Amino acid sequence: MATLAGLPRAGEQVPVELRTEPHGTHERWRRRFRSRWTVSDQWQEDGLLAERVGPVVLLQRLGVIDGRLTFESVGNRLGSWRLPGAGLIRVRAAAWDDGVDWCMAVHIATPLGELTTYEGRMQPWP
């Protein structure tokens, strides 16, 4: 199911590339896990971070806990239709500076179980 959603397969030491660019009022994020690209658009909406991945819009509340930027799903939309409750896709993530690199930990699940989990360090592109 994770592969159908364009999410990375489980693995250790998976090379990841992240590119961000302005795209109108949004920001386009291009992530490459191994050789597979995933593209999403992000923007601010009603005090939340909205991220469109294909036809699904993930709505996330940002916060700070113990010096880490946190992302917590509060809902999803399919097009303009708001899905009930926290939605079908739930994201919990954190980003932090460990003094050397930016680090990221991401957990993505559905009510039926985990889709994928990944974490790692982000370093500037040479």
PDB file of N, CA and C in Angstrom:
ATOM      1  N   MET A   1       0.827  -1.199   0.000  1.00  0.00           N
ATOM      2  CA  MET A   1       0.000   0.000   0.000  1.00  0.00           C
ATOM      3  C   MET A   1       0.869   1.259   0.000  1.00  0.00           C
ATOM      4  N   ALA A   2       1.982   1.255   0.744  1.00  0.00           N
ATOM      5  CA  ALA A   2       2.875   2.411   0.784  1.00  0.00           C
ATOM      6  C   ALA A   2       3.415   2.723  -0.597  1.00  0.00           C
ATOM      7  N   THR A   3       3.768   1.689  -1.347  1.00  0.00           N
ATOM      8  CA  THR A   3       4.309   1.887  -2.695  1.00  0.00           C
ATOM      9  C   THR A   3       3.267   2.524  -3.605  1.00  0.00           C
ATOM     10  N   LEU A   4       1.998   2.105  -3.504  1.00  0.00           N
ATOM     11  CA  LEU A   4       0.932   2.699  -4.313  1.00  0.00           C
ATOM     12  C   LEU A   4       0.750   4.176  -3.993  1.00  0.00           C
ATOM     13  N   ALA A   5       0.988   4.552  -2.738  1.00  0.00           N
ATOM     14  CA  ALA A   5       0.852   5.950  -2.328  1.00  0.00           C
ATOM     15  C   ALA A   5       2.105   6.761  -2.642  1.00  0.00           C
ATOM     16  N   GLY A   6       3.127   6.125  -3.226  1.00  0.00           N
ATOM     17  CA  GLY A   6       4.356   6.833  -3.550  1.00  0.00           C
ATOM     18  C   GLY A   6       5.279   7.017  -2.361  1.00  0.00           C
ATOM     19  N   LEU A   7       5.034   6.245  -1.302  1.00  0.00           N
ATOM     20  CA  LEU A   7       5.849   6.340  -0.097  1.00  0.00           C
ATOM     21  C   LEU A   7       7.018   5.367  -0.178  1.00  0.00           C
ATOM     22  N   PRO A   8       8.084   5.650   0.569  1.00  0.00           N
ATOM     23  CA  PRO A   8       9.247   4.762   0.500  1.00  0.00           C
ATOM     24  C   PRO A   8       8.984   3.409   1.146  1.00  0.00           C
ATOM     25  N   ARG A   9       9.639   2.381   0.591  1.00  0.00           N
ATOM     26  CA  ARG A   9       9.619   1.061   1.226  1.00  0.00           C
ATOM     27  C   ARG A   9      10.534   1.114   2.441  1.00  0.00           C
ATOM     28  N   ALA A  10      10.306   0.223   3.357  1.00  0.00           N
ATOM     29  CA  ALA A  10      11.169   0.146   4.533  1.00  0.00           C
ATOM     30  C   ALA A  10      12.597  -0.166   4.111  1.00  0.00           C
ATOM     31  N   GLY A  11      13.551   0.351   4.835  1.00  0.00           N
ATOM     32  CA  GLY A  11      14.946   0.084   4.518  1.00  0.00           C
ATOM     33  C   GLY A  11      15.865   0.839   5.456  1.00  0.00           C
ATOM     34  N   GLU A  12      17.104   0.462   5.464  1.00  0.00           N
ATOM     35  CA  GLU A  12      18.117   1.124   6.278  1.00  0.00           C
ATOM     36  C   GLU A  12      19.077   1.851   5.348  1.00  0.00           C
ATOM     37  N   GLN A  13      19.540   3.007   5.767  1.00  0.00           N
ATOM     38  CA  GLN A  13      20.510   3.788   4.990  1.00  0.00           C
ATOM     39  C   GLN A  13      20.020   4.062   3.561  1.00  0.00           C
ATOM     40  N   VAL A  14      18.721   4.376   3.429  1.00  0.00           N
ATOM     41  CA  VAL A  14      18.140   4.667   2.120  1.00  0.00           C
ATOM     42  C   VAL A  14      18.543   6.084   1.711  1.00  0.00           C
ATOM     43  N   PRO A  15      19.182   6.243   0.559  1.00  0.00           N
ATOM     44  CA  PRO A  15      19.533   7.593   0.120  1.00  0.00           C
ATOM     45  C   PRO A  15      18.273   8.398  -0.210  1.00  0.00           C
ATOM     46  N   VAL A  16      18.237   9.637   0.286  1.00  0.00           N
ATOM     47  CA  VAL A  16      17.090  10.512   0.084  1.00  0.00           C
ATOM     48  C   VAL A  16      17.590  11.853  -0.428  1.00  0.00           C
ATOM     49  N   GLU A  17      16.875  12.393  -1.382  1.00  0.00           N
ATOM     50  CA  GLU A  17      17.172  13.725  -1.893  1.00  0.00           C
ATOM     51  C   GLU A  17      15.907  14.554  -1.725  1.00  0.00           C
ATOM     52  N   LEU A  18      16.046  15.783  -1.233  1.00  0.00           N
ATOM     53  CA  LEU A  18      14.911  16.683  -1.064  1.00  0.00           C
ATOM     54  C   LEU A  18      15.213  17.979  -1.792  1.00  0.00           C
ATOM     55  N   ARG A  19      14.277  18.390  -2.639  1.00  0.00           N
ATOM     56  CA  ARG A  19      14.362  19.676  -3.322  1.00  0.00           C
ATOM     57  C   ARG A  19      13.072  20.432  -3.069  1.00  0.00           C
ATOM     58  N   THR A  20      13.186  21.699  -2.683  1.00  0.00           N
ATOM     59  CA  THR A  20      12.007  22.536  -2.492  1.00  0.00           C
ATOM     60  C   THR A  20      12.117  23.741  -3.415  1.00  0.00           C
ATOM     61  N   GLU A  21      10.960  24.210  -3.878  1.00  0.00           N
ATOM     62  CA  GLU A  21      10.955  25.375  -4.762  1.00  0.00           C
ATOM     63  C   GLU A  21       9.615  26.093  -4.629  1.00  0.00           C
ATOM     64  N   PRO A  22       9.631  27.426  -4.764  1.00  0.00           N
ATOM     65  CA  PRO A  22       8.367  28.167  -4.764  1.00  0.00           C
ATOM     66  C   PRO A  22       7.522  27.736  -5.961  1.00  0.00           C
ATOM     67  N   HIS A  23       6.223  27.685  -5.749  1.00  0.00           N
ATOM     68  CA  HIS A  23       5.310  27.287  -6.827  1.00  0.00           C
ATOM     69  C   HIS A  23       4.016  28.083  -6.631  1.00  0.00           C
ATOM     70  N   GLY A  24       3.996  29.312  -7.116  1.00  0.00           N
ATOM     71  CA  GLY A  24       2.843  30.191  -6.889  1.00  0.00           C
ATOM     72  C   GLY A  24       2.748  30.524  -5.408  1.00  0.00           C
ATOM     73  N   THR A  25       1.584  30.313  -4.815  1.00  0.00           N
ATOM     74  CA  THR A  25       1.390  30.565  -3.381  1.00  0.00           C
ATOM     75  C   THR A  25       1.774  29.351  -2.543  1.00  0.00           C
ATOM     76  N   HIS A  26       2.265  28.309  -3.202  1.00  0.00           N
ATOM     77  CA  HIS A  26       2.629  27.057  -2.538  1.00  0.00           C
ATOM     78  C   HIS A  26       4.139  26.874  -2.576  1.00  0.00           C
ATOM     79  N   GLU A  27       4.560  25.802  -1.951  1.00  0.00           N
ATOM     80  CA  GLU A  27       5.946  25.364  -2.073  1.00  0.00           C
ATOM     81  C   GLU A  27       5.900  23.924  -2.570  1.00  0.00           C
ATOM     82  N   ARG A  28       6.660  23.608  -3.595  1.00  0.00           N
ATOM     83  CA  ARG A  28       6.691  22.240  -4.131  1.00  0.00           C
ATOM     84  C   ARG A  28       7.861  21.496  -3.500  1.00  0.00           C
ATOM     85  N   TRP A  29       7.572  20.311  -2.953  1.00  0.00           N
ATOM     86  CA  TRP A  29       8.589  19.448  -2.353  1.00  0.00           C
ATOM     87  C   TRP A  29       8.749  18.229  -3.245  1.00  0.00           C
ATOM     88  N   ARG A  30       9.990  17.986  -3.665  1.00  0.00           N
ATOM     89  CA  ARG A  30      10.322  16.797  -4.443  1.00  0.00           C
ATOM     90  C   ARG A  30      11.256  15.948  -3.580  1.00  0.00           C
ATOM     91  N   ARG A  31      10.803  14.736  -3.265  1.00  0.00           N
ATOM     92  CA  ARG A  31      11.601  13.822  -2.450  1.00  0.00           C
ATOM     93  C   ARG A  31      11.928  12.597  -3.291  1.00  0.00           C
ATOM     94  N   ARG A  32      13.170  12.183  -3.235  1.00  0.00           N
ATOM     95  CA  ARG A  32      13.561  10.964  -3.951  1.00  0.00           C
ATOM     96  C   ARG A  32      14.079   9.965  -2.924  1.00  0.00           C
ATOM     97  N   PHE A  33      13.431   8.817  -2.851  1.00  0.00           N
ATOM     98  CA  PHE A  33      13.845   7.699  -2.011  1.00  0.00           C
ATOM     99  C   PHE A  33      14.361   6.633  -2.967  1.00  0.00           C
ATOM    100  N   ARG A  34      15.655   6.320  -2.864  1.00  0.00           N
ATOM    101  CA  ARG A  34      16.314   5.450  -3.843  1.00  0.00           C
ATOM    102  C   ARG A  34      16.140   6.098  -5.215  1.00  0.00           C
ATOM    103  N   SER A  35      15.413   5.481  -6.120  1.00  0.00           N
ATOM    104  CA  SER A  35      15.239   6.060  -7.457  1.00  0.00           C
ATOM    105  C   SER A  35      13.805   6.557  -7.691  1.00  0.00           C
ATOM    106  N   ARG A  36      12.956   6.510  -6.671  1.00  0.00           N
ATOM    107  CA  ARG A  36      11.545   6.871  -6.826  1.00  0.00           C
ATOM    108  C   ARG A  36      11.273   8.284  -6.298  1.00  0.00           C
ATOM    109  N   TRP A  37      10.696   9.128  -7.159  1.00  0.00           N
ATOM    110  CA  TRP A  37      10.364  10.504  -6.785  1.00  0.00           C
ATOM    111  C   TRP A  37       8.936  10.592  -6.268  1.00  0.00           C
ATOM    112  N   THR A  38       8.734  11.387  -5.225  1.00  0.00           N
ATOM    113  CA  THR A  38       7.415  11.733  -4.702  1.00  0.00           C
ATOM    114  C   THR A  38       7.341  13.249  -4.700  1.00  0.00           C
ATOM    115  N   VAL A  39       6.272  13.804  -5.255  1.00  0.00           N
ATOM    116  CA  VAL A  39       6.123  15.255  -5.338  1.00  0.00           C
ATOM    117  C   VAL A  39       4.873  15.666  -4.579  1.00  0.00           C
ATOM    118  N   SER A  40       4.990  16.729  -3.778  1.00  0.00           N
ATOM    119  CA  SER A  40       3.834  17.265  -3.065  1.00  0.00           C
ATOM    120  C   SER A  40       3.897  18.789  -3.082  1.00  0.00           C
ATOM    121  N   ASP A  41       2.750  19.415  -2.849  1.00  0.00           N
ATOM    122  CA  ASP A  41       2.669  20.868  -2.712  1.00  0.00           C
ATOM    123  C   ASP A  41       2.225  21.172  -1.297  1.00  0.00           C
ATOM    124  N   GLN A  42       2.845  22.203  -0.694  1.00  0.00           N
ATOM    125  CA  GLN A  42       2.522  22.588   0.681  1.00  0.00           C
ATOM    126  C   GLN A  42       2.144  24.063   0.728  1.00  0.00           C
ATOM    127  N   TRP A  43       1.212  24.389   1.637  1.00  0.00           N
ATOM    128  CA  TRP A  43       0.792  25.770   1.847  1.00  0.00           C
ATOM    129  C   TRP A  43       0.139  25.891   3.220  1.00  0.00           C
ATOM    130  N   GLN A  44      -0.051  27.139   3.648  1.00  0.00           N
ATOM    131  CA  GLN A  44      -0.726  27.421   4.916  1.00  0.00           C
ATOM    132  C   GLN A  44      -2.217  27.556   4.632  1.00  0.00           C
ATOM    133  N   GLU A  45      -3.030  26.914   5.475  1.00  0.00           N
ATOM    134  CA  GLU A  45      -4.481  26.961   5.306  1.00  0.00           C
ATOM    135  C   GLU A  45      -5.153  26.961   6.674  1.00  0.00           C
ATOM    136  N   ASP A  46      -5.801  28.054   7.024  1.00  0.00           N
ATOM    137  CA  ASP A  46      -6.534  28.166   8.297  1.00  0.00           C
ATOM    138  C   ASP A  46      -5.661  27.803   9.497  1.00  0.00           C
ATOM    139  N   GLY A  47      -4.408  28.265   9.501  1.00  0.00           N
ATOM    140  CA  GLY A  47      -3.510  28.015  10.620  1.00  0.00           C
ATOM    141  C   GLY A  47      -2.878  26.629  10.623  1.00  0.00           C
ATOM    142  N   LEU A  48      -3.106  25.849   9.568  1.00  0.00           N
ATOM    143  CA  LEU A  48      -2.553  24.500   9.469  1.00  0.00           C
ATOM    144  C   LEU A  48      -1.601  24.423   8.278  1.00  0.00           C
ATOM    145  N   LEU A  49      -0.741  23.419   8.283  1.00  0.00           N
ATOM    146  CA  LEU A  49       0.069  23.099   7.114  1.00  0.00           C
ATOM    147  C   LEU A  49      -0.749  22.130   6.267  1.00  0.00           C
ATOM    148  N   ALA A  50      -1.010  22.519   5.014  1.00  0.00           N
ATOM    149  CA  ALA A  50      -1.719  21.642   4.083  1.00  0.00           C
ATOM    150  C   ALA A  50      -0.690  21.097   3.099  1.00  0.00           C
ATOM    151  N   GLU A  51      -0.786  19.804   2.812  1.00  0.00           N
ATOM    152  CA  GLU A  51       0.125  19.174   1.859  1.00  0.00           C
ATOM    153  C   GLU A  51      -0.675  18.280   0.931  1.00  0.00           C
ATOM    154  N   ARG A  52      -0.625  18.581  -0.375  1.00  0.00           N
ATOM    155  CA  ARG A  52      -1.331  17.769  -1.366  1.00  0.00           C
ATOM    156  C   ARG A  52      -0.380  16.730  -1.924  1.00  0.00           C
ATOM    157  N   VAL A  53      -0.791  15.475  -1.813  1.00  0.00           N
ATOM    158  CA  VAL A  53      -0.066  14.355  -2.404  1.00  0.00           C
ATOM    159  C   VAL A  53      -1.085  13.651  -3.290  1.00  0.00           C
ATOM    160  N   GLY A  54      -0.945  13.811  -4.608  1.00  0.00           N
ATOM    161  CA  GLY A  54      -1.966  13.284  -5.509  1.00  0.00           C
ATOM    162  C   GLY A  54      -3.288  13.977  -5.214  1.00  0.00           C
ATOM    163  N   PRO A  55      -4.401  13.234  -5.119  1.00  0.00           N
ATOM    164  CA  PRO A  55      -5.700  13.864  -4.866  1.00  0.00           C
ATOM    165  C   PRO A  55      -5.981  14.131  -3.383  1.00  0.00           C
ATOM    166  N   VAL A  56      -5.093  13.675  -2.494  1.00  0.00           N
ATOM    167  CA  VAL A  56      -5.316  13.795  -1.053  1.00  0.00           C
ATOM    168  C   VAL A  56      -4.586  15.015  -0.499  1.00  0.00           C
ATOM    169  N   VAL A  57      -5.283  15.775   0.352  1.00  0.00           N
ATOM    170  CA  VAL A  57      -4.679  16.895   1.066  1.00  0.00           C
ATOM    171  C   VAL A  57      -4.572  16.495   2.535  1.00  0.00           C
ATOM    172  N   LEU A  58      -3.347  16.514   3.053  1.00  0.00           N
ATOM    173  CA  LEU A  58      -3.094  16.210   4.457  1.00  0.00           C
ATOM    174  C   LEU A  58      -3.095  17.533   5.219  1.00  0.00           C
ATOM    175  N   LEU A  59      -3.835  17.617   6.309  1.00  0.00           N
ATOM    176  CA  LEU A  59      -3.885  18.817   7.137  1.00  0.00           C
ATOM    177  C   LEU A  59      -3.160  18.517   8.441  1.00  0.00           C
ATOM    178  N   GLN A  60      -2.148  19.344   8.760  1.00  0.00           N
ATOM    179  CA  GLN A  60      -1.300  19.076   9.921  1.00  0.00           C
ATOM    180  C   GLN A  60      -1.151  20.313  10.796  1.00  0.00           C
ATOM    181  N   ARG A  61      -1.145  20.081  12.082  1.00  0.00           N
ATOM    182  CA  ARG A  61      -0.889  21.147  13.055  1.00  0.00           C
ATOM    183  C   ARG A  61       0.593  21.099  13.404  1.00  0.00           C
ATOM    184  N   LEU A  62       1.239  22.255  13.335  1.00  0.00           N
ATOM    185  CA  LEU A  62       2.649  22.360  13.698  1.00  0.00           C
ATOM    186  C   LEU A  62       2.762  22.789  15.151  1.00  0.00           C
ATOM    187  N   GLY A  63       3.797  22.323  15.818  1.00  0.00           N
ATOM    188  CA  GLY A  63       4.062  22.701  17.202  1.00  0.00           C
ATOM    189  C   GLY A  63       5.544  22.568  17.501  1.00  0.00           C
ATOM    190  N   VAL A  64       5.903  22.875  18.729  1.00  0.00           N
ATOM    191  CA  VAL A  64       7.286  22.702  19.178  1.00  0.00           C
ATOM    192  C   VAL A  64       7.240  21.981  20.523  1.00  0.00           C
ATOM    193  N   ILE A  65       7.934  20.843  20.607  1.00  0.00           N
ATOM    194  CA  ILE A  65       8.039  20.067  21.842  1.00  0.00           C
ATOM    195  C   ILE A  65       9.510  19.747  22.057  1.00  0.00           C
ATOM    196  N   ASP A  66      10.052  20.139  23.200  1.00  0.00           N
ATOM    197  CA  ASP A  66      11.459  19.882  23.528  1.00  0.00           C
ATOM    198  C   ASP A  66      12.404  20.346  22.416  1.00  0.00           C
ATOM    199  N   GLY A  67      12.119  21.505  21.826  1.00  0.00           N
ATOM    200  CA  GLY A  67      12.981  22.063  20.800  1.00  0.00           C
ATOM    201  C   GLY A  67      12.842  21.417  19.431  1.00  0.00           C
ATOM    202  N   ARG A  68      11.865  20.534  19.275  1.00  0.00           N
ATOM    203  CA  ARG A  68      11.642  19.867  17.984  1.00  0.00           C
ATOM    204  C   ARG A  68      10.378  20.413  17.330  1.00  0.00           C
ATOM    205  N   LEU A  69      10.458  20.684  16.030  1.00  0.00           N
ATOM    206  CA  LEU A  69       9.279  21.060  15.263  1.00  0.00           C
ATOM    207  C   LEU A  69       8.457  19.798  15.058  1.00  0.00           C
ATOM    208  N   THR A  70       7.193  19.819  15.472  1.00  0.00           N
ATOM    209  CA  THR A  70       6.348  18.629  15.358  1.00  0.00           C
ATOM    210  C   THR A  70       5.228  18.852  14.341  1.00  0.00           C
ATOM    211  N   PHE A  71       4.827  17.763  13.701  1.00  0.00           N
ATOM    212  CA  PHE A  71       3.753  17.744  12.717  1.00  0.00           C
ATOM    213  C   PHE A  71       2.760  16.688  13.174  1.00  0.00           C
ATOM    214  N   GLU A  72       1.493  17.057  13.319  1.00  0.00           N
ATOM    215  CA  GLU A  72       0.473  16.103  13.775  1.00  0.00           C
ATOM    216  C   GLU A  72      -0.766  16.231  12.896  1.00  0.00           C
ATOM    217  N   SER A  73      -1.191  15.136  12.290  1.00  0.00           N
ATOM    218  CA  SER A  73      -2.372  15.162  11.424  1.00  0.00           C
ATOM    219  C   SER A  73      -3.612  15.541  12.201  1.00  0.00           C
ATOM    220  N   VAL A  74      -4.424  16.400  11.576  1.00  0.00           N
ATOM    221  CA  VAL A  74      -5.716  16.753  12.149  1.00  0.00           C
ATOM    222  C   VAL A  74      -6.848  16.461  11.174  1.00  0.00           C
ATOM    223  N   GLY A  75      -6.515  16.048   9.951  1.00  0.00           N
ATOM    224  CA  GLY A  75      -7.551  15.703   8.981  1.00  0.00           C
ATOM    225  C   GLY A  75      -6.992  15.545   7.586  1.00  0.00           C
ATOM    226  N   ASN A  76      -7.857  15.063   6.694  1.00  0.00           N
ATOM    227  CA  ASN A  76      -7.524  14.891   5.278  1.00  0.00           C
ATOM    228  C   ASN A  76      -8.705  15.367   4.450  1.00  0.00           C
ATOM    229  N   ARG A  77      -8.400  15.713   3.202  1.00  0.00           N
ATOM    230  CA  ARG A  77      -9.438  15.997   2.222  1.00  0.00           C
ATOM    231  C   ARG A  77      -9.148  15.178   0.973  1.00  0.00           C
ATOM    232  N   LEU A  78     -10.190  14.804   0.325  1.00  0.00           N
ATOM    233  CA  LEU A  78     -10.097  14.199  -0.997  1.00  0.00           C
ATOM    234  C   LEU A  78     -10.724  15.227  -1.920  1.00  0.00           C
ATOM    235  N   GLY A  79      -9.870  15.969  -2.664  1.00  0.00           N
ATOM    236  CA  GLY A  79     -10.364  17.131  -3.399  1.00  0.00           C
ATOM    237  C   GLY A  79     -10.866  18.152  -2.394  1.00  0.00           C
ATOM    238  N   SER A  80     -12.117  18.576  -2.489  1.00  0.00           N
ATOM    239  CA  SER A  80     -12.672  19.536  -1.528  1.00  0.00           C
ATOM    240  C   SER A  80     -13.499  18.848  -0.441  1.00  0.00           C
ATOM    241  N   TRP A  81     -13.589  17.517  -0.478  1.00  0.00           N
ATOM    242  CA  TRP A  81     -14.393  16.770   0.481  1.00  0.00           C
ATOM    243  C   TRP A  81     -13.567  16.406   1.700  1.00  0.00           C
ATOM    244  N   ARG A  82     -13.943  16.927   2.876  1.00  0.00           N
ATOM    245  CA  ARG A  82     -13.231  16.648   4.127  1.00  0.00           C
ATOM    246  C   ARG A  82     -13.585  15.250   4.608  1.00  0.00           C
ATOM    247  N   LEU A  83     -12.573  14.434   4.863  1.00  0.00           N
ATOM    248  CA  LEU A  83     -12.790  13.072   5.351  1.00  0.00           C
ATOM    249  C   LEU A  83     -13.063  13.114   6.845  1.00  0.00           C
ATOM    250  N   PRO A  84     -13.856  12.191   7.379  1.00  0.00           N
ATOM    251  CA  PRO A  84     -14.233  12.230   8.795  1.00  0.00           C
ATOM    252  C   PRO A  84     -13.047  11.995   9.732  1.00  0.00           C
ATOM    253  N   GLY A  85     -13.166  12.553  10.931  1.00  0.00           N
ATOM    254  CA  GLY A  85     -12.156  12.342  11.976  1.00  0.00           C
ATOM    255  C   GLY A  85     -10.788  12.852  11.575  1.00  0.00           C
ATOM    256  N   ALA A  86      -9.770  12.131  12.001  1.00  0.00           N
ATOM    257  CA  ALA A  86      -8.390  12.514  11.690  1.00  0.00           C
ATOM    258  C   ALA A  86      -8.022  12.143  10.260  1.00  0.00           C
ATOM    259  N   GLY A  87      -8.922  11.459   9.563  1.00  0.00           N
ATOM    260  CA  GLY A  87      -8.681  11.133   8.163  1.00  0.00           C
ATOM    261  C   GLY A  87      -8.137   9.733   7.961  1.00  0.00           C
ATOM    262  N   LEU A  88      -7.905   9.412   6.710  1.00  0.00           N
ATOM    263  CA  LEU A  88      -7.433   8.082   6.354  1.00  0.00           C
ATOM    264  C   LEU A  88      -5.921   7.955   6.443  1.00  0.00           C
ATOM    265  N   ILE A  89      -5.213   9.062   6.229  1.00  0.00           N
ATOM    266  CA  ILE A  89      -3.756   9.054   6.309  1.00  0.00           C
ATOM    267  C   ILE A  89      -3.351   9.939   7.478  1.00  0.00           C
ATOM    268  N   ARG A  90      -2.588   9.372   8.391  1.00  0.00           N
ATOM    269  CA  ARG A  90      -2.180  10.105   9.594  1.00  0.00           C
ATOM    270  C   ARG A  90      -0.665  10.215   9.631  1.00  0.00           C
ATOM    271  N   VAL A  91      -0.199  11.430   9.816  1.00  0.00           N
ATOM    272  CA  VAL A  91       1.231  11.698   9.853  1.00  0.00           C
ATOM    273  C   VAL A  91       1.609  12.201  11.240  1.00  0.00           C
ATOM    274  N   ARG A  92       2.663  11.640  11.786  1.00  0.00           N
ATOM    275  CA  ARG A  92       3.330  12.176  12.982  1.00  0.00           C
ATOM    276  C   ARG A  92       4.781  12.332  12.596  1.00  0.00           C
ATOM    277  N   ALA A  93       5.319  13.533  12.793  1.00  0.00           N
ATOM    278  CA  ALA A  93       6.701  13.763  12.389  1.00  0.00           C
ATOM    279  C   ALA A  93       7.333  14.795  13.303  1.00  0.00           C
ATOM    280  N   ALA A  94       8.659  14.815  13.287  1.00  0.00           N
ATOM    281  CA  ALA A  94       9.419  15.809  14.040  1.00  0.00           C
ATOM    282  C   ALA A  94      10.691  16.134  13.269  1.00  0.00           C
ATOM    283  N   ALA A  95      11.127  17.382  13.385  1.00  0.00           N
ATOM    284  CA  ALA A  95      12.391  17.824  12.782  1.00  0.00           C
ATOM    285  C   ALA A  95      13.149  18.601  13.843  1.00  0.00           C
ATOM    286  N   TRP A  96      14.474  18.415  13.887  1.00  0.00           N
ATOM    287  CA  TRP A  96      15.277  19.091  14.896  1.00  0.00           C
ATOM    288  C   TRP A  96      16.717  19.224  14.425  1.00  0.00           C
ATOM    289  N   ASP A  97      17.416  20.157  15.064  1.00  0.00           N
ATOM    290  CA  ASP A  97      18.833  20.399  14.797  1.00  0.00           C
ATOM    291  C   ASP A  97      19.609  19.722  15.921  1.00  0.00           C
ATOM    292  N   ASP A  98      20.478  18.775  15.580  1.00  0.00           N
ATOM    293  CA  ASP A  98      21.253  18.081  16.616  1.00  0.00           C
ATOM    294  C   ASP A  98      22.626  18.724  16.834  1.00  0.00           C
ATOM    295  N   GLY A  99      22.825  19.924  16.254  1.00  0.00           N
ATOM    296  CA  GLY A  99      24.107  20.605  16.395  1.00  0.00           C
ATOM    297  C   GLY A  99      25.043  20.346  15.234  1.00  0.00           C
ATOM    298  N   VAL A 100      24.745  19.330  14.435  1.00  0.00           N
ATOM    299  CA  VAL A 100      25.550  18.998  13.256  1.00  0.00           C
ATOM    300  C   VAL A 100      24.681  19.067  12.003  1.00  0.00           C
ATOM    301  N   ASP A 101      23.546  18.371  12.022  1.00  0.00           N
ATOM    302  CA  ASP A 101      22.639  18.289  10.881  1.00  0.00           C
ATOM    303  C   ASP A 101      21.213  18.560  11.339  1.00  0.00           C
ATOM    304  N   TRP A 102      20.326  18.758  10.355  1.00  0.00           N
ATOM    305  CA  TRP A 102      18.901  18.716  10.630  1.00  0.00           C
ATOM    306  C   TRP A 102      18.493  17.245  10.568  1.00  0.00           C
ATOM    307  N   CYS A 103      17.702  16.831  11.528  1.00  0.00           N
ATOM    308  CA  CYS A 103      17.238  15.442  11.591  1.00  0.00           C
ATOM    309  C   CYS A 103      15.724  15.427  11.426  1.00  0.00           C
ATOM    310  N   MET A 104      15.209  14.299  10.923  1.00  0.00           N
ATOM    311  CA  MET A 104      13.780  14.157  10.674  1.00  0.00           C
ATOM    312  C   MET A 104      13.357  12.741  11.010  1.00  0.00           C
ATOM    313  N   ALA A 105      12.200  12.615  11.642  1.00  0.00           N
ATOM    314  CA  ALA A 105      11.584  11.311  11.894  1.00  0.00           C
ATOM    315  C   ALA A 105      10.126  11.422  11.464  1.00  0.00           C
ATOM    316  N   VAL A 106       9.661  10.488  10.627  1.00  0.00           N
ATOM    317  CA  VAL A 106       8.320  10.541  10.057  1.00  0.00           C
ATOM    318  C   VAL A 106       7.645   9.185  10.227  1.00  0.00           C
ATOM    319  N   HIS A 107       6.396   9.203  10.670  1.00  0.00           N
ATOM    320  CA  HIS A 107       5.585   7.993  10.821  1.00  0.00           C
ATOM    321  C   HIS A 107       4.269   8.255  10.089  1.00  0.00           C
ATOM    322  N   ILE A 108       3.917   7.419   9.116  1.00  0.00           N
ATOM    323  CA  ILE A 108       2.693   7.585   8.337  1.00  0.00           C
ATOM    324  C   ILE A 108       1.869   6.304   8.474  1.00  0.00           C
ATOM    325  N   ALA A 109       0.598   6.465   8.857  1.00  0.00           N
ATOM    326  CA  ALA A 109      -0.266   5.308   9.105  1.00  0.00           C
ATOM    327  C   ALA A 109      -1.681   5.579   8.613  1.00  0.00           C
ATOM    328  N   THR A 110      -2.471   4.516   8.564  1.00  0.00           N
ATOM    329  CA  THR A 110      -3.909   4.590   8.306  1.00  0.00           C
ATOM    330  C   THR A 110      -4.586   3.957   9.515  1.00  0.00           C
ATOM    331  N   PRO A 111      -5.904   4.027   9.610  1.00  0.00           N
ATOM    332  CA  PRO A 111      -6.586   3.324  10.707  1.00  0.00           C
ATOM    333  C   PRO A 111      -6.311   1.820  10.700  1.00  0.00           C
ATOM    334  N   LEU A 112      -5.882   1.272   9.552  1.00  0.00           N
ATOM    335  CA  LEU A 112      -5.601  -0.161   9.451  1.00  0.00           C
ATOM    336  C   LEU A 112      -4.172  -0.526   9.838  1.00  0.00           C
ATOM    337  N   GLY A 113      -3.298   0.479   9.996  1.00  0.00           N
ATOM    338  CA  GLY A 113      -1.923   0.185  10.381  1.00  0.00           C
ATOM    339  C   GLY A 113      -0.916   1.096   9.714  1.00  0.00           C
ATOM    340  N   GLU A 114       0.330   0.812  10.000  1.00  0.00           N
ATOM    341  CA  GLU A 114       1.439   1.627   9.515  1.00  0.00           C
ATOM    342  C   GLU A 114       1.633   1.490   8.014  1.00  0.00           C
ATOM    343  N   LEU A 115       1.856   2.652   7.344  1.00  0.00           N
ATOM    344  CA  LEU A 115       2.232   2.642   5.932  1.00  0.00           C
ATOM    345  C   LEU A 115       3.748   2.658   5.800  1.00  0.00           C
ATOM    346  N   THR A 116       4.382   3.588   6.508  1.00  0.00           N
ATOM    347  CA  THR A 116       5.842   3.666   6.466  1.00  0.00           C
ATOM    348  C   THR A 116       6.352   4.518   7.615  1.00  0.00           C
ATOM    349  N   THR A 117       7.586   4.289   7.968  1.00  0.00           N
ATOM    350  CA  THR A 117       8.300   5.087   8.960  1.00  0.00           C
ATOM    351  C   THR A 117       9.697   5.305   8.419  1.00  0.00           C
ATOM    352  N   TYR A 118      10.190   6.523   8.517  1.00  0.00           N
ATOM    353  CA  TYR A 118      11.566   6.770   8.115  1.00  0.00           C
ATOM    354  C   TYR A 118      12.152   7.888   8.947  1.00  0.00           C
ATOM    355  N   GLU A 119      13.461   7.885   9.064  1.00  0.00           N
ATOM    356  CA  GLU A 119      14.148   8.951   9.776  1.00  0.00           C
ATOM    357  C   GLU A 119      15.567   9.074   9.220  1.00  0.00           C
ATOM    358  N   GLY A 120      16.142  10.234   9.447  1.00  0.00           N
ATOM    359  CA  GLY A 120      17.490  10.428   8.948  1.00  0.00           C
ATOM    360  C   GLY A 120      17.954  11.852   9.131  1.00  0.00           C
ATOM    361  N   ARG A 121      19.091  12.140   8.547  1.00  0.00           N
ATOM    362  CA  ARG A 121      19.734  13.442   8.630  1.00  0.00           C
ATOM    363  C   ARG A 121      19.655  14.126   7.277  1.00  0.00           C
ATOM    364  N   MET A 122      19.476  15.446   7.315  1.00  0.00           N
ATOM    365  CA  MET A 122      19.450  16.228   6.097  1.00  0.00           C
ATOM    366  C   MET A 122      20.717  17.087   6.056  1.00  0.00           C
ATOM    367  N   GLN A 123      21.405  17.020   4.957  1.00  0.00           N
ATOM    368  CA  GLN A 123      22.625  17.810   4.776  1.00  0.00           C
ATOM    369  C   GLN A 123      22.459  18.650   3.529  1.00  0.00           C
ATOM    370  N   PRO A 124      23.111  19.819   3.505  1.00  0.00           N
ATOM    371  CA  PRO A 124      22.979  20.689   2.325  1.00  0.00           C
ATOM    372  C   PRO A 124      23.490  19.991   1.072  1.00  0.00           C
ATOM    373  N   TRP A 125      22.822  20.318  -0.030  1.00  0.00           N
ATOM    374  CA  TRP A 125      23.239  19.803  -1.334  1.00  0.00           C
ATOM    375  C   TRP A 125      24.552  20.496  -1.707  1.00  0.00           C
ATOM    376  N   PRO A 126      25.571  19.727  -2.173  1.00  0.00           N
ATOM    377  CA  PRO A 126      26.871  20.367  -2.486  1.00  0.00           C
ATOM    378  C   PRO A 126      26.767  21.366  -3.626  1.00  0.00           C
TER     379      PRO A 126
END
